[in-house]
Amino acid sequence: GIGVSRLMGLIAEHFADDKGLVWPENVA
């Protein structure tokens, strides 16, 4: 199993700064 929406949440949580989201190019 892989949580697809959970991955989206973790990417949003992990790749962010004080201005907002920072999406990796593969999923932006």
PDB file of all heavy atoms in Angstrom:
ATOM      1  N   GLY A   1       0.799  -1.215   0.000  1.00  0.00           N
ATOM      2  CA  GLY A   1       0.000   0.000   0.000  1.00  0.00           C
ATOM      3  C   GLY A   1       0.833   1.266   0.000  1.00  0.00           C
ATOM      4  O   GLY A   1       1.914   1.333   0.595  1.00  0.00           O
ATOM      5  N   ILE A   2       0.319   2.290  -0.681  1.00  0.00           N
ATOM      6  CA  ILE A   2       0.891   3.644  -0.636  1.00  0.00           C
ATOM      7  C   ILE A   2      -0.272   4.625  -0.505  1.00  0.00           C
ATOM      8  O   ILE A   2      -1.222   4.578  -1.291  1.00  0.00           O
ATOM      9  CB  ILE A   2       1.695   3.988  -1.907  1.00  0.00           C
ATOM     10  CG1 ILE A   2       3.003   3.195  -1.955  1.00  0.00           C
ATOM     11  CG2 ILE A   2       2.014   5.482  -1.951  1.00  0.00           C
ATOM     12  CD1 ILE A   2       3.861   3.504  -3.161  1.00  0.00           C
ATOM     13  N   GLY A   3      -0.190   5.528   0.456  1.00  0.00           N
ATOM     14  CA  GLY A   3      -1.200   6.567   0.610  1.00  0.00           C
ATOM     15  C   GLY A   3      -0.928   7.703  -0.356  1.00  0.00           C
ATOM     16  O   GLY A   3      -0.024   8.521  -0.132  1.00  0.00           O
ATOM     17  N   VAL A   4      -1.690   7.770  -1.441  1.00  0.00           N
ATOM     18  CA  VAL A   4      -1.451   8.779  -2.486  1.00  0.00           C
ATOM     19  C   VAL A   4      -1.747  10.180  -1.951  1.00  0.00           C
ATOM     20  O   VAL A   4      -0.925  11.103  -2.072  1.00  0.00           O
ATOM     21  CB  VAL A   4      -2.312   8.482  -3.732  1.00  0.00           C
ATOM     22  CG1 VAL A   4      -2.066   9.526  -4.819  1.00  0.00           C
ATOM     23  CG2 VAL A   4      -2.014   7.081  -4.258  1.00  0.00           C
ATOM     24  N   SER A   5      -2.916  10.371  -1.357  1.00  0.00           N
ATOM     25  CA  SER A   5      -3.254  11.689  -0.815  1.00  0.00           C
ATOM     26  C   SER A   5      -2.376  12.022   0.390  1.00  0.00           C
ATOM     27  O   SER A   5      -2.052  13.189   0.634  1.00  0.00           O
ATOM     28  CB  SER A   5      -4.738  11.759  -0.449  1.00  0.00           C
ATOM     29  OG  SER A   5      -5.148  10.655   0.328  1.00  0.00           O
ATOM     30  N   ARG A   6      -1.967  11.008   1.156  1.00  0.00           N
ATOM     31  CA  ARG A   6      -1.047  11.250   2.268  1.00  0.00           C
ATOM     32  C   ARG A   6       0.280  11.778   1.741  1.00  0.00           C
ATOM     33  O   ARG A   6       0.882  12.683   2.333  1.00  0.00           O
ATOM     34  CB  ARG A   6      -0.829   9.966   3.062  1.00  0.00           C
ATOM     35  CG  ARG A   6       0.282  10.083   4.089  1.00  0.00           C
ATOM     36  CD  ARG A   6       0.416   8.851   4.956  1.00  0.00           C
ATOM     37  NE  ARG A   6      -0.522   8.908   6.056  1.00  0.00           N
ATOM     38  CZ  ARG A   6      -0.311   8.333   7.246  1.00  0.00           C
ATOM     39  NH1 ARG A   6       0.804   7.657   7.456  1.00  0.00           N
ATOM     40  NH2 ARG A   6      -1.194   8.425   8.194  1.00  0.00           N
ATOM     41  N   LEU A   7       0.761  11.221   0.628  1.00  0.00           N
ATOM     42  CA  LEU A   7       1.991  11.728   0.025  1.00  0.00           C
ATOM     43  C   LEU A   7       1.845  13.189  -0.367  1.00  0.00           C
ATOM     44  O   LEU A   7       2.762  13.991  -0.172  1.00  0.00           O
ATOM     45  CB  LEU A   7       2.366  10.886  -1.197  1.00  0.00           C
ATOM     46  CG  LEU A   7       3.253   9.671  -0.948  1.00  0.00           C
ATOM     47  CD1 LEU A   7       3.386   8.849  -2.226  1.00  0.00           C
ATOM     48  CD2 LEU A   7       4.624  10.086  -0.443  1.00  0.00           C
ATOM     49  N   MET A   8       0.702  13.555  -0.926  1.00  0.00           N
ATOM     50  CA  MET A   8       0.474  14.949  -1.282  1.00  0.00           C
ATOM     51  C   MET A   8       0.567  15.830  -0.044  1.00  0.00           C
ATOM     52  O   MET A   8       1.183  16.903  -0.064  1.00  0.00           O
ATOM     53  CB  MET A   8      -0.896  15.104  -1.948  1.00  0.00           C
ATOM     54  CG  MET A   8      -1.229  16.533  -2.336  1.00  0.00           C
ATOM     55  SD  MET A   8      -2.833  16.622  -3.200  1.00  0.00           S
ATOM     56  CE  MET A   8      -3.015  18.409  -3.358  1.00  0.00           C
ATOM     57  N   GLY A   9      -0.043  15.376   1.058  1.00  0.00           N
ATOM     58  CA  GLY A   9       0.008  16.144   2.295  1.00  0.00           C
ATOM     59  C   GLY A   9       1.415  16.270   2.831  1.00  0.00           C
ATOM     60  O   GLY A   9       1.824  17.350   3.292  1.00  0.00           O
ATOM     61  N   LEU A  10       2.191  15.193   2.776  1.00  0.00           N
ATOM     62  CA  LEU A  10       3.554  15.237   3.295  1.00  0.00           C
ATOM     63  C   LEU A  10       4.445  16.117   2.426  1.00  0.00           C
ATOM     64  O   LEU A  10       5.283  16.865   2.945  1.00  0.00           O
ATOM     65  CB  LEU A  10       4.132  13.829   3.383  1.00  0.00           C
ATOM     66  CG  LEU A  10       5.552  13.751   3.968  1.00  0.00           C
ATOM     67  CD1 LEU A  10       5.605  14.352   5.373  1.00  0.00           C
ATOM     68  CD2 LEU A  10       6.061  12.324   3.976  1.00  0.00           C
ATOM     69  N   ILE A  11       4.272  16.048   1.105  1.00  0.00           N
ATOM     70  CA  ILE A  11       5.044  16.917   0.215  1.00  0.00           C
ATOM     71  C   ILE A  11       4.740  18.379   0.541  1.00  0.00           C
ATOM     72  O   ILE A  11       5.652  19.217   0.629  1.00  0.00           O
ATOM     73  CB  ILE A  11       4.734  16.608  -1.262  1.00  0.00           C
ATOM     74  CG1 ILE A  11       5.288  15.233  -1.640  1.00  0.00           C
ATOM     75  CG2 ILE A  11       5.317  17.668  -2.179  1.00  0.00           C
ATOM     76  CD1 ILE A  11       4.808  14.720  -2.988  1.00  0.00           C
ATOM     77  N   ALA A  12       3.456  18.700   0.737  1.00  0.00           N
ATOM     78  CA  ALA A  12       3.066  20.072   1.082  1.00  0.00           C
ATOM     79  C   ALA A  12       3.659  20.488   2.421  1.00  0.00           C
ATOM     80  O   ALA A  12       4.060  21.645   2.604  1.00  0.00           O
ATOM     81  CB  ALA A  12       1.547  20.189   1.112  1.00  0.00           C
ATOM     82  N   GLU A  13       3.710  19.560   3.361  1.00  0.00           N
ATOM     83  CA  GLU A  13       4.243  19.849   4.691  1.00  0.00           C
ATOM     84  C   GLU A  13       5.760  20.013   4.650  1.00  0.00           C
ATOM     85  O   GLU A  13       6.320  20.908   5.285  1.00  0.00           O
ATOM     86  CB  GLU A  13       3.881  18.696   5.635  1.00  0.00           C
ATOM     87  CG  GLU A  13       4.163  18.954   7.089  1.00  0.00           C
ATOM     88  CD  GLU A  13       2.974  19.540   7.829  1.00  0.00           C
ATOM     89  OE1 GLU A  13       1.833  19.130   7.582  1.00  0.00           O
ATOM     90  OE2 GLU A  13       3.225  20.428   8.673  1.00  0.00           O
ATOM     91  N   HIS A  14       6.411  19.158   3.884  1.00  0.00           N
ATOM     92  CA  HIS A  14       7.870  19.086   3.888  1.00  0.00           C
ATOM     93  C   HIS A  14       8.503  20.150   2.998  1.00  0.00           C
ATOM     94  O   HIS A  14       9.504  20.771   3.368  1.00  0.00           O
ATOM     95  CB  HIS A  14       8.309  17.694   3.424  1.00  0.00           C
ATOM     96  CG  HIS A  14       9.772  17.442   3.575  1.00  0.00           C
ATOM     97  ND1 HIS A  14      10.343  17.050   4.768  1.00  0.00           N
ATOM     98  CD2 HIS A  14      10.798  17.537   2.688  1.00  0.00           C
ATOM     99  CE1 HIS A  14      11.643  16.907   4.612  1.00  0.00           C
ATOM    100  NE2 HIS A  14      11.948  17.193   3.354  1.00  0.00           N
ATOM    101  N   PHE A  15       7.933  20.353   1.800  1.00  0.00           N
ATOM    102  CA  PHE A  15       8.502  21.306   0.847  1.00  0.00           C
ATOM    103  C   PHE A  15       7.703  22.612   0.896  1.00  0.00           C
ATOM    104  O   PHE A  15       6.877  22.900   0.028  1.00  0.00           O
ATOM    105  CB  PHE A  15       8.494  20.730  -0.569  1.00  0.00           C
ATOM    106  CG  PHE A  15       9.329  19.491  -0.710  1.00  0.00           C
ATOM    107  CD1 PHE A  15       8.730  18.245  -0.792  1.00  0.00           C
ATOM    108  CD2 PHE A  15      10.709  19.565  -0.746  1.00  0.00           C
ATOM    109  CE1 PHE A  15       9.499  17.092  -0.921  1.00  0.00           C
ATOM    110  CE2 PHE A  15      11.486  18.418  -0.866  1.00  0.00           C
ATOM    111  CZ  PHE A  15      10.879  17.183  -0.956  1.00  0.00           C
ATOM    112  N   ALA A  16       7.970  23.408   1.910  1.00  0.00           N
ATOM    113  CA  ALA A  16       7.277  24.676   2.078  1.00  0.00           C
ATOM    114  C   ALA A  16       8.180  25.623   2.843  1.00  0.00           C
ATOM    115  O   ALA A  16       9.101  25.197   3.550  1.00  0.00           O
ATOM    116  CB  ALA A  16       5.954  24.482   2.816  1.00  0.00           C
ATOM    117  N   ASP A  17       7.932  26.916   2.690  1.00  0.00           N
ATOM    118  CA  ASP A  17       8.654  27.921   3.469  1.00  0.00           C
ATOM    119  C   ASP A  17       7.662  28.950   3.980  1.00  0.00           C
ATOM    120  O   ASP A  17       6.440  28.725   3.924  1.00  0.00           O
ATOM    121  CB  ASP A  17       9.773  28.560   2.637  1.00  0.00           C
ATOM    122  CG  ASP A  17       9.266  29.215   1.352  1.00  0.00           C
ATOM    123  OD1 ASP A  17       8.054  29.554   1.282  1.00  0.00           O
ATOM    124  OD2 ASP A  17      10.074  29.409   0.420  1.00  0.00           O
ATOM    125  N   ASP A  18       8.150  30.082   4.471  1.00  0.00           N
ATOM    126  CA  ASP A  18       7.247  31.067   5.056  1.00  0.00           C
ATOM    127  C   ASP A  18       6.396  31.795   4.025  1.00  0.00           C
ATOM    128  O   ASP A  18       5.464  32.518   4.380  1.00  0.00           O
ATOM    129  CB  ASP A  18       8.030  32.084   5.897  1.00  0.00           C
ATOM    130  CG  ASP A  18       9.095  32.819   5.088  1.00  0.00           C
ATOM    131  OD1 ASP A  18       9.326  32.456   3.905  1.00  0.00           O
ATOM    132  OD2 ASP A  18       9.699  33.753   5.628  1.00  0.00           O
ATOM    133  N   LYS A  19       6.687  31.579   2.737  1.00  0.00           N
ATOM    134  CA  LYS A  19       5.897  32.209   1.681  1.00  0.00           C
ATOM    135  C   LYS A  19       4.809  31.293   1.123  1.00  0.00           C
ATOM    136  O   LYS A  19       3.841  31.770   0.524  1.00  0.00           O
ATOM    137  CB  LYS A  19       6.808  32.660   0.538  1.00  0.00           C
ATOM    138  CG  LYS A  19       7.787  33.753   0.920  1.00  0.00           C
ATOM    139  CD  LYS A  19       8.658  34.134  -0.256  1.00  0.00           C
ATOM    140  CE  LYS A  19       9.649  35.227   0.124  1.00  0.00           C
ATOM    141  NZ  LYS A  19      10.527  35.582  -1.036  1.00  0.00           N
ATOM    142  N   GLY A  20       5.006  29.978   1.287  1.00  0.00           N
ATOM    143  CA  GLY A  20       4.005  29.058   0.769  1.00  0.00           C
ATOM    144  C   GLY A  20       4.591  27.719   0.385  1.00  0.00           C
ATOM    145  O   GLY A  20       5.612  27.283   0.919  1.00  0.00           O
ATOM    146  N   LEU A  21       3.925  27.058  -0.558  1.00  0.00           N
ATOM    147  CA  LEU A  21       4.326  25.728  -1.011  1.00  0.00           C
ATOM    148  C   LEU A  21       5.541  25.798  -1.928  1.00  0.00           C
ATOM    149  O   LEU A  21       5.798  26.833  -2.554  1.00  0.00           O
ATOM    150  CB  LEU A  21       3.157  25.074  -1.761  1.00  0.00           C
ATOM    151  CG  LEU A  21       1.891  24.843  -0.938  1.00  0.00           C
ATOM    152  CD1 LEU A  21       0.687  24.666  -1.851  1.00  0.00           C
ATOM    153  CD2 LEU A  21       2.061  23.633  -0.033  1.00  0.00           C
ATOM    154  N   VAL A  22       6.290  24.692  -2.006  1.00  0.00           N
ATOM    155  CA  VAL A  22       7.434  24.586  -2.917  1.00  0.00           C
ATOM    156  C   VAL A  22       7.382  23.198  -3.543  1.00  0.00           C
ATOM    157  O   VAL A  22       8.008  22.257  -3.076  1.00  0.00           O
ATOM    158  CB  VAL A  22       8.775  24.788  -2.179  1.00  0.00           C
ATOM    159  CG1 VAL A  22       9.927  24.792  -3.179  1.00  0.00           C
ATOM    160  CG2 VAL A  22       8.772  26.077  -1.370  1.00  0.00           C
ATOM    161  N   TRP A  23       6.601  23.039  -4.609  1.00  0.00           N
ATOM    162  CA  TRP A  23       6.396  21.715  -5.193  1.00  0.00           C
ATOM    163  C   TRP A  23       7.639  21.220  -5.923  1.00  0.00           C
ATOM    164  O   TRP A  23       8.242  21.962  -6.709  1.00  0.00           O
ATOM    165  CB  TRP A  23       5.236  21.745  -6.196  1.00  0.00           C
ATOM    166  CG  TRP A  23       3.902  22.004  -5.600  1.00  0.00           C
ATOM    167  CD1 TRP A  23       3.163  23.143  -5.708  1.00  0.00           C
ATOM    168  CD2 TRP A  23       3.134  21.091  -4.784  1.00  0.00           C
ATOM    169  NE1 TRP A  23       1.983  23.002  -5.009  1.00  0.00           N
ATOM    170  CE2 TRP A  23       1.938  21.762  -4.435  1.00  0.00           C
ATOM    171  CE3 TRP A  23       3.344  19.805  -4.324  1.00  0.00           C
ATOM    172  CZ2 TRP A  23       0.959  21.173  -3.653  1.00  0.00           C
ATOM    173  CZ3 TRP A  23       2.369  19.204  -3.536  1.00  0.00           C
ATOM    174  CH2 TRP A  23       1.193  19.888  -3.210  1.00  0.00           C
ATOM    175  N   PRO A  24       8.033  19.956  -5.732  1.00  0.00           N
ATOM    176  CA  PRO A  24       9.035  19.348  -6.615  1.00  0.00           C
ATOM    177  C   PRO A  24       8.494  19.331  -8.046  1.00  0.00           C
ATOM    178  O   PRO A  24       7.287  19.213  -8.266  1.00  0.00           O
ATOM    179  CB  PRO A  24       9.172  17.920  -6.063  1.00  0.00           C
ATOM    180  CG  PRO A  24       8.634  17.978  -4.668  1.00  0.00           C
ATOM    181  CD  PRO A  24       7.568  19.028  -4.681  1.00  0.00           C
ATOM    182  N   GLU A  25       9.387  19.444  -9.013  1.00  0.00           N
ATOM    183  CA  GLU A  25       8.941  19.552 -10.407  1.00  0.00           C
ATOM    184  C   GLU A  25       8.127  18.346 -10.853  1.00  0.00           C
ATOM    185  O   GLU A  25       7.233  18.465 -11.688  1.00  0.00           O
ATOM    186  CB  GLU A  25      10.152  19.755 -11.325  1.00  0.00           C
ATOM    187  CG  GLU A  25      10.778  21.126 -11.168  1.00  0.00           C
ATOM    188  CD  GLU A  25      11.920  21.339 -12.145  1.00  0.00           C
ATOM    189  OE1 GLU A  25      11.793  20.929 -13.319  1.00  0.00           O
ATOM    190  OE2 GLU A  25      12.940  21.915 -11.732  1.00  0.00           O
ATOM    191  N   ASN A  26       8.428  17.172 -10.334  1.00  0.00           N
ATOM    192  CA  ASN A  26       7.726  15.961 -10.750  1.00  0.00           C
ATOM    193  C   ASN A  26       6.241  15.968 -10.429  1.00  0.00           C
ATOM    194  O   ASN A  26       5.462  15.275 -11.078  1.00  0.00           O
ATOM    195  CB  ASN A  26       8.359  14.735 -10.071  1.00  0.00           C
ATOM    196  CG  ASN A  26       9.374  14.062 -10.956  1.00  0.00           C
ATOM    197  OD1 ASN A  26       9.530  14.408 -12.116  1.00  0.00           O
ATOM    198  ND2 ASN A  26      10.075  13.099 -10.412  1.00  0.00           N
ATOM    199  N   VAL A  27       5.831  16.683  -9.408  1.00  0.00           N
ATOM    200  CA  VAL A  27       4.428  16.643  -8.983  1.00  0.00           C
ATOM    201  C   VAL A  27       3.730  17.991  -9.063  1.00  0.00           C
ATOM    202  O   VAL A  27       2.533  18.086  -8.817  1.00  0.00           O
ATOM    203  CB  VAL A  27       4.293  16.075  -7.551  1.00  0.00           C
ATOM    204  CG1 VAL A  27       4.865  14.673  -7.470  1.00  0.00           C
ATOM    205  CG2 VAL A  27       4.953  16.983  -6.526  1.00  0.00           C
ATOM    206  N   ALA A  28       4.451  19.053  -9.385  1.00  0.00           N
ATOM    207  CA  ALA A  28       3.863  20.401  -9.426  1.00  0.00           C
ATOM    208  C   ALA A  28       2.704  20.473 -10.413  1.00  0.00           C
ATOM    209  O   ALA A  28       2.717  19.807 -11.448  1.00  0.00           O
ATOM    210  CB  ALA A  28       4.932  21.418  -9.805  1.00  0.00           C
TER     211      ALA A  28
END
